[in-house]
C-alpha atoms as a PDB file:
ATOM      1  CA  MET A   1     -20.514 -73.865 131.700  1.00  0.00           C
ATOM      2  CA  ILE A   2     -20.947 -70.331 132.935  1.00  0.00           C
ATOM      3  CA  ALA A   3     -22.068 -67.980 130.557  1.00  0.00           C
ATOM      4  CA  ALA A   4     -20.328 -64.840 130.109  1.00  0.00           C
ATOM      5  CA  LEU A   5     -21.587 -61.752 132.191  1.00  0.00           C
ATOM      6  CA  LYS A   6     -23.132 -58.974 130.439  1.00  0.00           C
ATOM      7  CA  SER A   7     -21.257 -55.712 130.378  1.00  0.00           C
ATOM      8  CA  GLU A   8     -23.344 -53.860 132.610  1.00  0.00           C
ATOM      9  CA  GLU A   9     -22.974 -56.569 135.359  1.00  0.00           C
ATOM     10  CA  GLN A  10     -18.989 -56.490 135.301  1.00  0.00           C
ATOM     11  CA  ASN A  11     -19.392 -53.726 137.962  1.00  0.00           C
ATOM     12  CA  GLN A  12     -20.833 -56.178 140.304  1.00  0.00           C
ATOM     13  CA  LEU A  13     -17.669 -58.249 140.081  1.00  0.00           C
ATOM     14  CA  GLN A  14     -16.015 -56.223 143.012  1.00  0.00           C
ATOM     15  CA  LEU A  15     -14.480 -57.809 145.936  1.00  0.00           C
ATOM     16  CA  VAL A  16     -15.920 -57.152 149.304  1.00  0.00           C
ATOM     17  CA  GLU A  17     -14.190 -56.423 152.514  1.00  0.00           C
ATOM     18  CA  ARG A  18     -13.354 -59.662 154.581  1.00  0.00           C
ATOM     19  CA  GLU A  19     -15.928 -58.686 157.413  1.00  0.00           C
ATOM     20  CA  GLU A  20     -18.651 -58.535 154.564  1.00  0.00           C
ATOM     21  CA  ILE A  21     -18.191 -61.966 153.421  1.00  0.00           C
ATOM     22  CA  ASP A  22     -17.176 -63.980 156.513  1.00  0.00           C
ATOM     23  CA  ASP A  23     -19.712 -65.405 158.705  1.00  0.00           C
ATOM     24  CA  GLU A  24     -17.301 -67.534 160.467  1.00  0.00           C
ATOM     25  CA  GLU A  25     -16.267 -64.552 162.868  1.00  0.00           C
ATOM     26  CA  ASP A  26     -14.946 -67.004 165.607  1.00  0.00           C
ATOM     27  CA  LEU A  27     -12.532 -68.531 163.243  1.00  0.00           C
ATOM     28  CA  PHE A  28     -10.831 -65.260 162.393  1.00  0.00           C
ATOM     29  CA  GLU A  29     -10.454 -63.671 165.813  1.00  0.00           C
ATOM     30  CA  ALA A  30      -7.531 -61.318 165.242  1.00  0.00           C
ATOM     31  CA  ILE A  31      -4.498 -61.920 167.357  1.00  0.00           C
ATOM     32  CA  ASP A  32      -4.697 -58.141 168.649  1.00  0.00           C
ATOM     33  CA  LYS A  33      -8.022 -59.005 170.397  1.00  0.00           C
ATOM     34  CA  LEU A  34      -5.775 -60.493 172.947  1.00  0.00           C
ATOM     35  CA  ILE A  35      -5.052 -56.834 174.286  1.00  0.00           C
ATOM     36  CA  SER A  36      -8.662 -56.761 175.634  1.00  0.00           C
ATOM     37  CA  GLN A  37      -7.782 -59.897 177.597  1.00  0.00           C
ATOM     38  CA  GLY A  38      -4.947 -58.344 179.384  1.00  0.00           C
ATOM     39  CA  ILE A  39      -2.080 -59.241 177.028  1.00  0.00           C
ATOM     40  CA  ASN A  40       0.570 -56.857 176.458  1.00  0.00           C
ATOM     41  CA  ALA A  41       0.304 -55.017 173.226  1.00  0.00           C
ATOM     42  CA  GLY A  42       4.402 -55.491 172.838  1.00  0.00           C
ATOM     43  CA  ASP A  43       3.859 -59.327 173.281  1.00  0.00           C
ATOM     44  CA  VAL A  44       0.954 -59.285 170.574  1.00  0.00           C
ATOM     45  CA  LYS A  45       3.441 -57.390 168.278  1.00  0.00           C
ATOM     46  CA  LYS A  46       6.082 -60.226 168.631  1.00  0.00           C
ATOM     47  CA  LEU A  47       3.487 -62.689 167.708  1.00  0.00           C
ATOM     48  CA  GLN A  48       2.494 -60.748 164.565  1.00  0.00           C
ATOM     49  CA  ASP A  49       6.457 -60.505 163.774  1.00  0.00           C
ATOM     50  CA  ALA A  50       6.436 -64.287 163.754  1.00  0.00           C
ATOM     51  CA  GLY A  51       3.683 -64.545 161.499  1.00  0.00           C
ATOM     52  CA  ILE A  52       0.877 -65.382 163.771  1.00  0.00           C
ATOM     53  CA  TYR A  53      -2.258 -62.887 163.086  1.00  0.00           C
ATOM     54  CA  THR A  54      -5.179 -64.924 164.420  1.00  0.00           C
ATOM     55  CA  CYS A  55      -6.052 -66.660 167.624  1.00  0.00           C
ATOM     56  CA  ASN A  56      -6.722 -69.546 165.779  1.00  0.00           C
ATOM     57  CA  GLY A  57      -3.348 -69.527 164.098  1.00  0.00           C
ATOM     58  CA  LEU A  58      -1.733 -69.167 167.534  1.00  0.00           C
ATOM     59  CA  MET A  59      -3.321 -72.411 168.788  1.00  0.00           C
ATOM     60  CA  MET A  60      -2.069 -74.117 165.967  1.00  0.00           C
ATOM     61  CA  HIS A  61       1.669 -73.800 167.317  1.00  0.00           C
ATOM     62  CA  THR A  62       3.342 -75.674 169.868  1.00  0.00           C
ATOM     63  CA  LYS A  63       4.317 -73.946 173.182  1.00  0.00           C
ATOM     64  CA  LYS A  64       7.696 -75.046 172.327  1.00  0.00           C
ATOM     65  CA  ASN A  65       7.772 -72.926 168.843  1.00  0.00           C
ATOM     66  CA  LEU A  66       5.927 -70.224 170.890  1.00  0.00           C
ATOM     67  CA  THR A  67       8.717 -70.045 173.697  1.00  0.00           C
ATOM     68  CA  GLY A  68      11.112 -69.794 170.538  1.00  0.00           C
ATOM     69  CA  ILE A  69       9.818 -66.261 169.890  1.00  0.00           C
ATOM     70  CA  LYS A  70      12.356 -63.747 171.122  1.00  0.00           C
ATOM     71  CA  GLY A  71      10.887 -62.096 174.147  1.00  0.00           C
ATOM     72  CA  LEU A  72       8.276 -64.619 175.194  1.00  0.00           C
ATOM     73  CA  SER A  73       8.764 -66.607 178.172  1.00  0.00           C
ATOM     74  CA  GLU A  74       6.994 -69.787 179.155  1.00  0.00           C
ATOM     75  CA  ALA A  75       4.971 -67.983 181.487  1.00  0.00           C
ATOM     76  CA  LYS A  76       3.891 -65.384 179.030  1.00  0.00           C
ATOM     77  CA  VAL A  77       2.957 -68.054 176.416  1.00  0.00           C
ATOM     78  CA  ASP A  78       0.808 -69.708 179.143  1.00  0.00           C
ATOM     79  CA  LYS A  79      -1.130 -66.354 179.606  1.00  0.00           C
ATOM     80  CA  ILE A  80      -1.340 -65.766 175.939  1.00  0.00           C
ATOM     81  CA  CYS A  81      -2.850 -69.105 175.202  1.00  0.00           C
ATOM     82  CA  GLU A  82      -5.303 -68.954 178.121  1.00  0.00           C
ATOM     83  CA  ALA A  83      -6.648 -65.776 176.536  1.00  0.00           C
ATOM     84  CA  ALA A  84      -7.042 -67.043 173.214  1.00  0.00           C
ATOM     85  CA  GLU A  85      -9.076 -69.786 174.601  1.00  0.00           C
ATOM     86  CA  LYS A  86     -11.416 -67.328 175.930  1.00  0.00           C
ATOM     87  CA  LEU A  87     -11.881 -65.666 172.422  1.00  0.00           C
ATOM     88  CA  VAL A  88     -12.257 -68.926 170.278  1.00  0.00           C
ATOM     89  CA  ASN A  89     -13.497 -72.375 171.141  1.00  0.00           C
ATOM     90  CA  PHE A  90     -10.485 -74.837 170.482  1.00  0.00           C
ATOM     91  CA  GLY A  91     -12.383 -77.760 172.384  1.00  0.00           C
ATOM     92  CA  TYR A  92     -14.985 -80.476 171.430  1.00  0.00           C
ATOM     93  CA  ILE A  93     -18.040 -79.224 169.500  1.00  0.00           C
ATOM     94  CA  THR A  94     -20.952 -81.247 168.563  1.00  0.00           C
ATOM     95  CA  GLY A  95     -21.755 -83.243 165.274  1.00  0.00           C
ATOM     96  CA  SER A  96     -24.532 -80.531 164.522  1.00  0.00           C
ATOM     97  CA  ASP A  97     -22.064 -77.818 165.152  1.00  0.00           C
ATOM     98  CA  ALA A  98     -19.535 -79.373 162.817  1.00  0.00           C
ATOM     99  CA  LEU A  99     -22.161 -79.690 160.240  1.00  0.00           C
ATOM    100  CA  LEU A 100     -23.296 -76.041 160.587  1.00  0.00           C
ATOM    101  CA  ARG A 101     -19.458 -75.239 160.439  1.00  0.00           C
ATOM    102  CA  ARG A 102     -19.291 -77.158 156.993  1.00  0.00           C
ATOM    103  CA  LYS A 103     -22.072 -75.028 155.429  1.00  0.00           C
ATOM    104  CA  SER A 104     -19.512 -72.269 155.676  1.00  0.00           C
ATOM    105  CA  VAL A 105     -17.413 -74.002 153.064  1.00  0.00           C
ATOM    106  CA  VAL A 106     -17.221 -72.315 149.668  1.00  0.00           C
ATOM    107  CA  HIS A 107     -17.089 -74.431 146.589  1.00  0.00           C
ATOM    108  CA  ILE A 108     -15.191 -72.671 143.608  1.00  0.00           C
ATOM    109  CA  THR A 109     -16.052 -73.683 140.023  1.00  0.00           C
ATOM    110  CA  THR A 110     -13.545 -75.172 137.736  1.00  0.00           C
ATOM    111  CA  GLY A 111     -15.127 -73.727 134.695  1.00  0.00           C
ATOM    112  CA  SER A 112     -16.414 -77.266 133.644  1.00  0.00           C
ATOM    113  CA  GLN A 113     -19.952 -78.446 135.158  1.00  0.00           C
ATOM    114  CA  ALA A 114     -18.936 -82.040 134.794  1.00  0.00           C
ATOM    115  CA  LEU A 115     -15.763 -81.570 137.054  1.00  0.00           C
ATOM    116  CA  ASP A 116     -17.762 -79.309 139.447  1.00  0.00           C
ATOM    117  CA  GLU A 117     -20.231 -82.185 139.818  1.00  0.00           C
ATOM    118  CA  LEU A 118     -17.495 -84.628 140.302  1.00  0.00           C
ATOM    119  CA  LEU A 119     -16.097 -82.457 143.104  1.00  0.00           C
ATOM    120  CA  GLY A 120     -19.260 -81.788 145.053  1.00  0.00           C
ATOM    121  CA  GLY A 121     -19.597 -78.129 143.382  1.00  0.00           C
ATOM    122  CA  GLY A 122     -16.108 -77.154 142.846  1.00  0.00           C
ATOM    123  CA  ILE A 123     -12.637 -76.733 144.731  1.00  0.00           C
ATOM    124  CA  GLU A 124     -13.396 -76.716 148.389  1.00  0.00           C
ATOM    125  CA  THR A 125     -12.118 -73.849 150.833  1.00  0.00           C
ATOM    126  CA  MET A 126     -10.694 -74.875 154.276  1.00  0.00           C
ATOM    127  CA  ALA A 127      -9.338 -78.112 152.410  1.00  0.00           C
ATOM    128  CA  ILE A 128      -6.234 -79.102 150.411  1.00  0.00           C
ATOM    129  CA  THR A 129      -6.912 -80.049 146.699  1.00  0.00           C
ATOM    130  CA  GLU A 130      -4.218 -82.138 145.248  1.00  0.00           C
ATOM    131  CA  ALA A 131      -3.762 -82.706 141.316  1.00  0.00           C
ATOM    132  CA  PHE A 132      -1.460 -85.127 140.005  1.00  0.00           C
ATOM    133  CA  GLY A 133      -0.445 -86.492 136.588  1.00  0.00           C
ATOM    134  CA  GLU A 134       1.826 -86.249 133.731  1.00  0.00           C
ATOM    135  CA  PHE A 135       2.767 -83.236 132.106  1.00  0.00           C
ATOM    136  CA  ARG A 136       0.002 -81.642 129.663  1.00  0.00           C
ATOM    137  CA  SER A 137      -2.774 -83.437 131.691  1.00  0.00           C
ATOM    138  CA  GLY A 138      -4.317 -80.091 132.496  1.00  0.00           C
ATOM    139  CA  LYS A 139      -3.117 -79.306 136.182  1.00  0.00           C
ATOM    140  CA  THR A 140      -1.718 -75.971 135.368  1.00  0.00           C
ATOM    141  CA  GLN A 141      -4.585 -75.007 133.179  1.00  0.00           C
ATOM    142  CA  LEU A 142      -7.020 -75.678 136.084  1.00  0.00           C
ATOM    143  CA  ALA A 143      -4.856 -73.489 138.033  1.00  0.00           C
ATOM    144  CA  HIS A 144      -5.030 -70.671 135.715  1.00  0.00           C
ATOM    145  CA  THR A 145      -8.754 -71.117 135.487  1.00  0.00           C
ATOM    146  CA  LEU A 146      -9.152 -71.093 139.172  1.00  0.00           C
ATOM    147  CA  CYS A 147      -7.404 -67.772 139.423  1.00  0.00           C
ATOM    148  CA  VAL A 148     -10.137 -66.400 137.463  1.00  0.00           C
ATOM    149  CA  SER A 149     -13.042 -68.207 139.033  1.00  0.00           C
ATOM    150  CA  THR A 150     -12.213 -67.595 142.395  1.00  0.00           C
ATOM    151  CA  GLN A 151     -12.647 -63.864 141.899  1.00  0.00           C
ATOM    152  CA  LEU A 152     -16.394 -64.367 140.566  1.00  0.00           C
ATOM    153  CA  PRO A 153     -19.107 -63.637 143.318  1.00  0.00           C
ATOM    154  CA  THR A 154     -20.560 -66.515 145.327  1.00  0.00           C
ATOM    155  CA  ASN A 155     -23.754 -66.312 143.619  1.00  0.00           C
ATOM    156  CA  MET A 156     -21.820 -67.551 140.225  1.00  0.00           C
ATOM    157  CA  HIS A 157     -20.096 -70.184 142.114  1.00  0.00           C
ATOM    158  CA  GLY A 158     -17.126 -68.277 142.709  1.00  0.00           C
ATOM    159  CA  GLY A 159     -14.981 -67.313 145.866  1.00  0.00           C
ATOM    160  CA  ASN A 160     -15.201 -63.672 145.817  1.00  0.00           C
ATOM    161  CA  GLY A 161     -11.670 -63.242 146.806  1.00  0.00           C
ATOM    162  CA  LYS A 162      -8.092 -62.945 145.903  1.00  0.00           C
ATOM    163  CA  VAL A 163      -5.679 -65.440 144.685  1.00  0.00           C
ATOM    164  CA  ALA A 164      -2.164 -66.316 145.868  1.00  0.00           C
ATOM    165  CA  TYR A 165       0.363 -68.076 143.449  1.00  0.00           C
ATOM    166  CA  ILE A 166       3.379 -69.951 144.099  1.00  0.00           C
ATOM    167  CA  ASP A 167       5.151 -70.906 141.174  1.00  0.00           C
ATOM    168  CA  THR A 168       8.083 -73.564 141.536  1.00  0.00           C
ATOM    169  CA  GLU A 169       8.420 -74.481 137.962  1.00  0.00           C
ATOM    170  CA  GLY A 170       8.115 -71.174 136.082  1.00  0.00           C
ATOM    171  CA  THR A 171       4.638 -72.264 134.333  1.00  0.00           C
ATOM    172  CA  PHE A 172       2.659 -69.265 135.365  1.00  0.00           C
ATOM    173  CA  ARG A 173       1.434 -67.329 132.448  1.00  0.00           C
ATOM    174  CA  PRO A 174      -0.403 -63.841 132.999  1.00  0.00           C
ATOM    175  CA  ASP A 175      -1.055 -63.552 129.445  1.00  0.00           C
ATOM    176  CA  ARG A 176      -2.983 -67.162 129.853  1.00  0.00           C
ATOM    177  CA  ILE A 177      -5.208 -65.071 132.399  1.00  0.00           C
ATOM    178  CA  VAL A 178      -6.445 -62.668 129.860  1.00  0.00           C
ATOM    179  CA  PRO A 179      -8.652 -64.780 127.604  1.00  0.00           C
ATOM    180  CA  ILE A 180     -10.055 -66.750 130.810  1.00  0.00           C
ATOM    181  CA  ALA A 181     -11.165 -63.686 132.242  1.00  0.00           C
ATOM    182  CA  GLU A 182     -12.797 -62.434 129.245  1.00  0.00           C
ATOM    183  CA  ARG A 183     -14.592 -65.809 128.993  1.00  0.00           C
ATOM    184  CA  PHE A 184     -15.903 -64.876 132.539  1.00  0.00           C
ATOM    185  CA  GLY A 185     -16.799 -61.430 131.413  1.00  0.00           C
ATOM    186  CA  MET A 186     -14.295 -59.971 133.665  1.00  0.00           C
ATOM    187  CA  ASP A 187     -12.069 -57.111 133.332  1.00  0.00           C
ATOM    188  CA  PRO A 188      -8.385 -58.804 132.559  1.00  0.00           C
ATOM    189  CA  GLY A 189      -6.615 -56.117 134.433  1.00  0.00           C
ATOM    190  CA  ALA A 190      -8.566 -56.162 137.575  1.00  0.00           C
ATOM    191  CA  VAL A 191      -8.300 -59.651 137.769  1.00  0.00           C
ATOM    192  CA  LEU A 192      -4.519 -59.774 137.474  1.00  0.00           C
ATOM    193  CA  ASP A 193      -4.360 -57.106 140.111  1.00  0.00           C
ATOM    194  CA  ASN A 194      -5.944 -59.501 142.433  1.00  0.00           C
ATOM    195  CA  ILE A 195      -3.481 -62.261 141.894  1.00  0.00           C
ATOM    196  CA  ILE A 196      -0.193 -62.085 143.920  1.00  0.00           C
ATOM    197  CA  TYR A 197       2.517 -64.219 142.548  1.00  0.00           C
ATOM    198  CA  ALA A 198       6.015 -65.456 143.524  1.00  0.00           C
ATOM    199  CA  ARG A 199       8.441 -67.543 141.736  1.00  0.00           C
ATOM    200  CA  ALA A 200      10.239 -70.100 144.254  1.00  0.00           C
ATOM    201  CA  TYR A 201      13.670 -71.351 143.565  1.00  0.00           C
ATOM    202  CA  THR A 202      14.291 -73.447 146.473  1.00  0.00           C
ATOM    203  CA  TYR A 203      12.256 -75.397 149.247  1.00  0.00           C
ATOM    204  CA  GLU A 204      13.451 -72.998 151.812  1.00  0.00           C
ATOM    205  CA  HIS A 205      12.196 -70.226 149.726  1.00  0.00           C
ATOM    206  CA  GLN A 206       8.955 -71.836 149.059  1.00  0.00           C
ATOM    207  CA  TYR A 207       8.296 -72.363 152.905  1.00  0.00           C
ATOM    208  CA  ASN A 208       9.220 -68.485 153.612  1.00  0.00           C
ATOM    209  CA  LEU A 209       6.724 -67.411 150.992  1.00  0.00           C
ATOM    210  CA  LEU A 210       4.235 -69.158 152.800  1.00  0.00           C
ATOM    211  CA  LEU A 211       5.130 -67.673 155.958  1.00  0.00           C
ATOM    212  CA  GLY A 212       4.965 -64.473 154.534  1.00  0.00           C
ATOM    213  CA  LEU A 213       1.402 -65.026 153.382  1.00  0.00           C
ATOM    214  CA  ALA A 214      -0.293 -64.813 156.902  1.00  0.00           C
ATOM    215  CA  ALA A 215      -0.073 -61.078 157.078  1.00  0.00           C
ATOM    216  CA  LYS A 216      -1.710 -60.466 153.587  1.00  0.00           C
ATOM    217  CA  MET A 217      -4.409 -62.936 154.258  1.00  0.00           C
ATOM    218  CA  SER A 218      -5.118 -61.266 157.623  1.00  0.00           C
ATOM    219  CA  GLU A 219      -5.765 -57.905 155.767  1.00  0.00           C
ATOM    220  CA  GLU A 220      -7.258 -58.880 152.708  1.00  0.00           C
ATOM    221  CA  PRO A 221     -10.031 -61.344 151.285  1.00  0.00           C
ATOM    222  CA  PHE A 222      -8.170 -64.150 149.923  1.00  0.00           C
ATOM    223  CA  ARG A 223     -10.087 -67.444 148.955  1.00  0.00           C
ATOM    224  CA  LEU A 224      -7.337 -69.316 147.054  1.00  0.00           C
ATOM    225  CA  LEU A 225      -3.759 -70.463 147.398  1.00  0.00           C
ATOM    226  CA  ILE A 226      -1.950 -72.242 144.342  1.00  0.00           C
ATOM    227  CA  VAL A 227       1.270 -73.945 144.643  1.00  0.00           C
ATOM    228  CA  ASP A 228       2.432 -75.419 141.073  1.00  0.00           C
ATOM    229  CA  SER A 229       4.116 -77.779 141.788  1.00  0.00           C
ATOM    230  CA  VAL A 230       4.306 -78.716 145.509  1.00  0.00           C
ATOM    231  CA  ILE A 231       7.170 -81.457 145.370  1.00  0.00           C
ATOM    232  CA  ALA A 232       9.402 -80.210 142.178  1.00  0.00           C
ATOM    233  CA  LEU A 233      12.063 -78.235 144.609  1.00  0.00           C
ATOM    234  CA  PHE A 234      12.032 -81.087 147.027  1.00  0.00           C
ATOM    235  CA  ARG A 235      13.107 -83.464 144.391  1.00  0.00           C
ATOM    236  CA  VAL A 236      15.887 -81.159 143.088  1.00  0.00           C
ATOM    237  CA  ASP A 237      17.071 -79.992 146.662  1.00  0.00           C
ATOM    238  CA  PHE A 238      17.371 -83.509 148.234  1.00  0.00           C
ATOM    239  CA  THR A 239      19.257 -85.791 145.615  1.00  0.00           C
ATOM    240  CA  GLY A 240      21.712 -87.565 147.639  1.00  0.00           C
ATOM    241  CA  ARG A 241      21.582 -90.812 149.384  1.00  0.00           C
ATOM    242  CA  GLY A 242      20.398 -90.575 152.764  1.00  0.00           C
ATOM    243  CA  GLU A 243      18.464 -87.351 152.437  1.00  0.00           C
ATOM    244  CA  LEU A 244      15.072 -88.871 152.036  1.00  0.00           C
ATOM    245  CA  ALA A 245      14.158 -89.071 155.537  1.00  0.00           C
ATOM    246  CA  GLU A 246      15.168 -85.315 155.841  1.00  0.00           C
ATOM    247  CA  ARG A 247      13.133 -84.426 152.605  1.00  0.00           C
ATOM    248  CA  GLN A 248      10.188 -85.999 153.911  1.00  0.00           C
ATOM    249  CA  GLN A 249      10.561 -84.191 157.307  1.00  0.00           C
ATOM    250  CA  LYS A 250      10.869 -80.730 155.574  1.00  0.00           C
ATOM    251  CA  LEU A 251       7.834 -81.755 153.172  1.00  0.00           C
ATOM    252  CA  ALA A 252       5.811 -82.584 156.096  1.00  0.00           C
ATOM    253  CA  GLN A 253       6.328 -79.298 157.805  1.00  0.00           C
ATOM    254  CA  MET A 254       5.621 -77.305 154.505  1.00  0.00           C
ATOM    255  CA  LEU A 255       2.398 -79.375 154.159  1.00  0.00           C
ATOM    256  CA  SER A 256       1.292 -78.825 157.756  1.00  0.00           C
ATOM    257  CA  ARG A 257       1.694 -75.016 156.890  1.00  0.00           C
ATOM    258  CA  LEU A 258      -0.641 -75.056 153.909  1.00  0.00           C
ATOM    259  CA  THR A 259      -3.156 -77.083 156.152  1.00  0.00           C
ATOM    260  CA  LYS A 260      -3.034 -74.241 158.673  1.00  0.00           C
ATOM    261  CA  ILE A 261      -3.467 -71.700 156.236  1.00  0.00           C
ATOM    262  CA  ALA A 262      -6.701 -73.424 154.602  1.00  0.00           C
ATOM    263  CA  GLU A 263      -8.104 -73.643 158.001  1.00  0.00           C
ATOM    264  CA  GLU A 264      -7.134 -70.382 159.640  1.00  0.00           C
ATOM    265  CA  PHE A 265      -7.895 -68.144 156.657  1.00  0.00           C
ATOM    266  CA  HIS A 266     -10.830 -70.199 155.069  1.00  0.00           C
ATOM    267  CA  VAL A 267      -9.030 -70.334 151.669  1.00  0.00           C
ATOM    268  CA  ALA A 268      -8.955 -73.296 149.155  1.00  0.00           C
ATOM    269  CA  VAL A 269      -5.636 -74.674 148.599  1.00  0.00           C
ATOM    270  CA  TYR A 270      -4.908 -76.049 145.178  1.00  0.00           C
ATOM    271  CA  MET A 271      -1.638 -78.006 144.532  1.00  0.00           C
ATOM    272  CA  THR A 272      -0.302 -79.738 141.790  1.00  0.00           C
ATOM    273  CA  ASN A 273       2.058 -82.622 142.034  1.00  0.00           C
ATOM    274  CA  GLN A 274       4.321 -84.824 139.806  1.00  0.00           C
ATOM    275  CA  VAL A 275       4.087 -88.712 139.228  1.00  0.00           C
ATOM    276  CA  ILE A 276       6.863 -91.262 139.431  1.00  0.00           C
ATOM    277  CA  ALA A 277       7.200 -94.838 137.874  1.00  0.00           C
ATOM    278  CA  ASP A 278       5.498 -97.443 140.012  1.00  0.00           C
ATOM    279  CA  PRO A 279       7.349-100.592 139.967  1.00  0.00           C
ATOM    280  CA  GLY A 280       4.574-102.292 141.938  1.00  0.00           C
ATOM    281  CA  GLY A 281       1.931-101.199 139.621  1.00  0.00           C
ATOM    282  CA  GLY A 282       1.496-104.680 138.070  1.00  0.00           C
ATOM    283  CA  MET A 283       2.141-106.416 134.413  1.00  0.00           C
ATOM    284  CA  PHE A 284      -1.404-105.711 133.379  1.00  0.00           C
ATOM    285  CA  ILE A 285      -0.781-101.747 133.923  1.00  0.00           C
ATOM    286  CA  THR A 286       0.469-100.057 130.925  1.00  0.00           C
ATOM    287  CA  ASP A 287       2.964 -97.409 132.074  1.00  0.00           C
ATOM    288  CA  PRO A 288       2.145 -97.419 135.804  1.00  0.00           C
ATOM    289  CA  LYS A 289       2.728 -94.345 137.704  1.00  0.00           C
ATOM    290  CA  LYS A 290       1.884 -93.019 141.164  1.00  0.00           C
ATOM    291  CA  PRO A 291       2.165 -89.524 142.841  1.00  0.00           C
ATOM    292  CA  ALA A 292       5.437 -88.265 144.185  1.00  0.00           C
ATOM    293  CA  GLY A 293       5.706 -87.440 147.961  1.00  0.00           C
ATOM    294  CA  GLY A 294       5.154 -90.823 149.255  1.00  0.00           C
ATOM    295  CA  HIS A 295       2.563 -91.289 152.374  1.00  0.00           C
ATOM    296  CA  VAL A 296       3.546 -87.870 153.951  1.00  0.00           C
ATOM    297  CA  LEU A 297       1.900 -86.197 150.824  1.00  0.00           C
ATOM    298  CA  ALA A 298      -0.854 -88.563 150.468  1.00  0.00           C
ATOM    299  CA  HIS A 299      -1.989 -88.151 154.343  1.00  0.00           C
ATOM    300  CA  ALA A 300      -1.746 -84.242 153.933  1.00  0.00           C
ATOM    301  CA  ALA A 301      -4.007 -83.813 150.883  1.00  0.00           C
ATOM    302  CA  THR A 302      -7.846 -83.557 151.747  1.00  0.00           C
ATOM    303  CA  ILE A 303      -9.083 -84.377 148.094  1.00  0.00           C
ATOM    304  CA  ARG A 304      -6.489 -86.070 145.649  1.00  0.00           C
ATOM    305  CA  LEU A 305      -7.358 -86.091 142.108  1.00  0.00           C
ATOM    306  CA  MET A 306      -5.629 -87.999 139.230  1.00  0.00           C
ATOM    307  CA  PHE A 307      -5.416 -86.430 135.713  1.00  0.00           C
ATOM    308  CA  ARG A 308      -4.699 -87.881 132.726  1.00  0.00           C
ATOM    309  CA  LYS A 309      -4.770 -87.195 128.823  1.00  0.00           C
ATOM    310  CA  GLY A 310      -7.693 -87.940 126.879  1.00  0.00           C
ATOM    311  CA  LYS A 311      -8.260 -87.873 122.855  1.00  0.00           C
ATOM    312  CA  GLY A 312      -7.219 -84.254 121.501  1.00  0.00           C
ATOM    313  CA  GLU A 313      -7.856 -81.520 123.980  1.00  0.00           C
ATOM    314  CA  GLN A 314      -9.828 -83.643 126.122  1.00  0.00           C
ATOM    315  CA  ARG A 315      -8.530 -84.624 129.581  1.00  0.00           C
ATOM    316  CA  VAL A 316      -9.961 -87.108 132.255  1.00  0.00           C
ATOM    317  CA  CYS A 317     -10.134 -86.251 136.012  1.00  0.00           C
ATOM    318  CA  LYS A 318     -10.625 -89.185 138.622  1.00  0.00           C
ATOM    319  CA  VAL A 319     -11.147 -88.950 142.113  1.00  0.00           C
ATOM    320  CA  PHE A 320      -8.180 -90.794 143.822  1.00  0.00           C
ATOM    321  CA  ASP A 321      -9.144 -90.122 147.137  1.00  0.00           C
ATOM    322  CA  ALA A 322     -11.549 -87.951 149.168  1.00  0.00           C
ATOM    323  CA  PRO A 323     -13.235 -88.098 152.551  1.00  0.00           C
ATOM    324  CA  ASN A 324     -16.720 -87.271 151.180  1.00  0.00           C
ATOM    325  CA  LEU A 325     -16.431 -88.065 147.391  1.00  0.00           C
ATOM    326  CA  PRO A 326     -17.077 -91.497 145.542  1.00  0.00           C
ATOM    327  CA  GLU A 327     -14.477 -92.725 143.015  1.00  0.00           C
ATOM    328  CA  ALA A 328     -15.665 -91.459 139.847  1.00  0.00           C
ATOM    329  CA  GLU A 329     -14.312 -89.705 136.567  1.00  0.00           C
ATOM    330  CA  ALA A 330     -15.192 -86.606 134.642  1.00  0.00           C
ATOM    331  CA  VAL A 331     -14.086 -85.644 131.114  1.00  0.00           C
ATOM    332  CA  PHE A 332     -13.305 -81.994 130.578  1.00  0.00           C
ATOM    333  CA  GLN A 333     -11.292 -79.884 127.830  1.00  0.00           C
ATOM    334  CA  ILE A 334      -8.868 -77.262 127.697  1.00  0.00           C
ATOM    335  CA  THR A 335     -10.014 -74.231 125.712  1.00  0.00           C
ATOM    336  CA  GLN A 336      -8.724 -70.849 124.976  1.00  0.00           C
ATOM    337  CA  GLY A 337     -11.325 -69.613 128.006  1.00  0.00           C
ATOM    338  CA  GLY A 338      -9.562 -72.461 130.219  1.00  0.00           C
ATOM    339  CA  ILE A 339     -11.030 -75.505 131.534  1.00  0.00           C
ATOM    340  CA  ALA A 340     -14.648 -76.170 130.095  1.00  0.00           C
ATOM    341  CA  ASP A 341     -17.181 -79.177 129.370  1.00  0.00           C
ATOM    342  CA  ALA A 342     -15.907 -81.564 126.741  1.00  0.00           C
END
């Protein structure tokens, strides 16, 4: 558990400019640098209008998508992609280089030392962390705590960055941020000013909000994107028979966008998920449940966490699936100051 900061240290909790906190410059080559490679400024502006702000983001689009941008012919797209490849390496790298790149990953504290240890240090940037479980299992409480801890300096296990929060269920409470900020010794007003919030009402609205984030993240030092919950609107907007295939396709597109945001802008994506009854759970499992979203969501999430209720305010988090973490559990509790050790 992180001790509260002394008042004289509070003025150190100020966000710095992106260029001061990013060592991975090659991942953030701005799209306007293409002009130095002979690309017309007007064509660069068309890319920005389409929500593409970095060379990394450019190469995450297919040529079919790029030629769909008004005013960009196939020949222009080929020239633009060729220029981008001169600025950023999109080919093979060695395992040693990959390890070096992994060292730029930031781990953001959850507020609980036990939970941080379970996660290898906290919520990872450049990855999608999914938390699923029943209502009141602590998913949204962790989201609120991360809104604050992300703004801590990196030497205090924070992300030294801003937060974007997309709310699909109306569960965000700014007044909840106040006691959490006070626990960490931070100014609640300043913390709230560094959170941008949007309420989504349809799956289309949710996707469009993600597209609009690119402009903000290219200009300001964001370190966390929260989507609470990722599946809710899809379950509402696709209810008829025969709509499941379309739902999963649209869900896959949105999850792909989340993956690109995580990697393009070096942010941590934390998304909550609902659970559904699992008829195949077995007769020996009481009240079996599984995460909603099927295989599409399962393959998109980098780290999957299963939350469940414990005694009183205690909650249990289990690593359900992760490429670099063993299956294990941690007990934490929900306090007035957010997530903390039990």
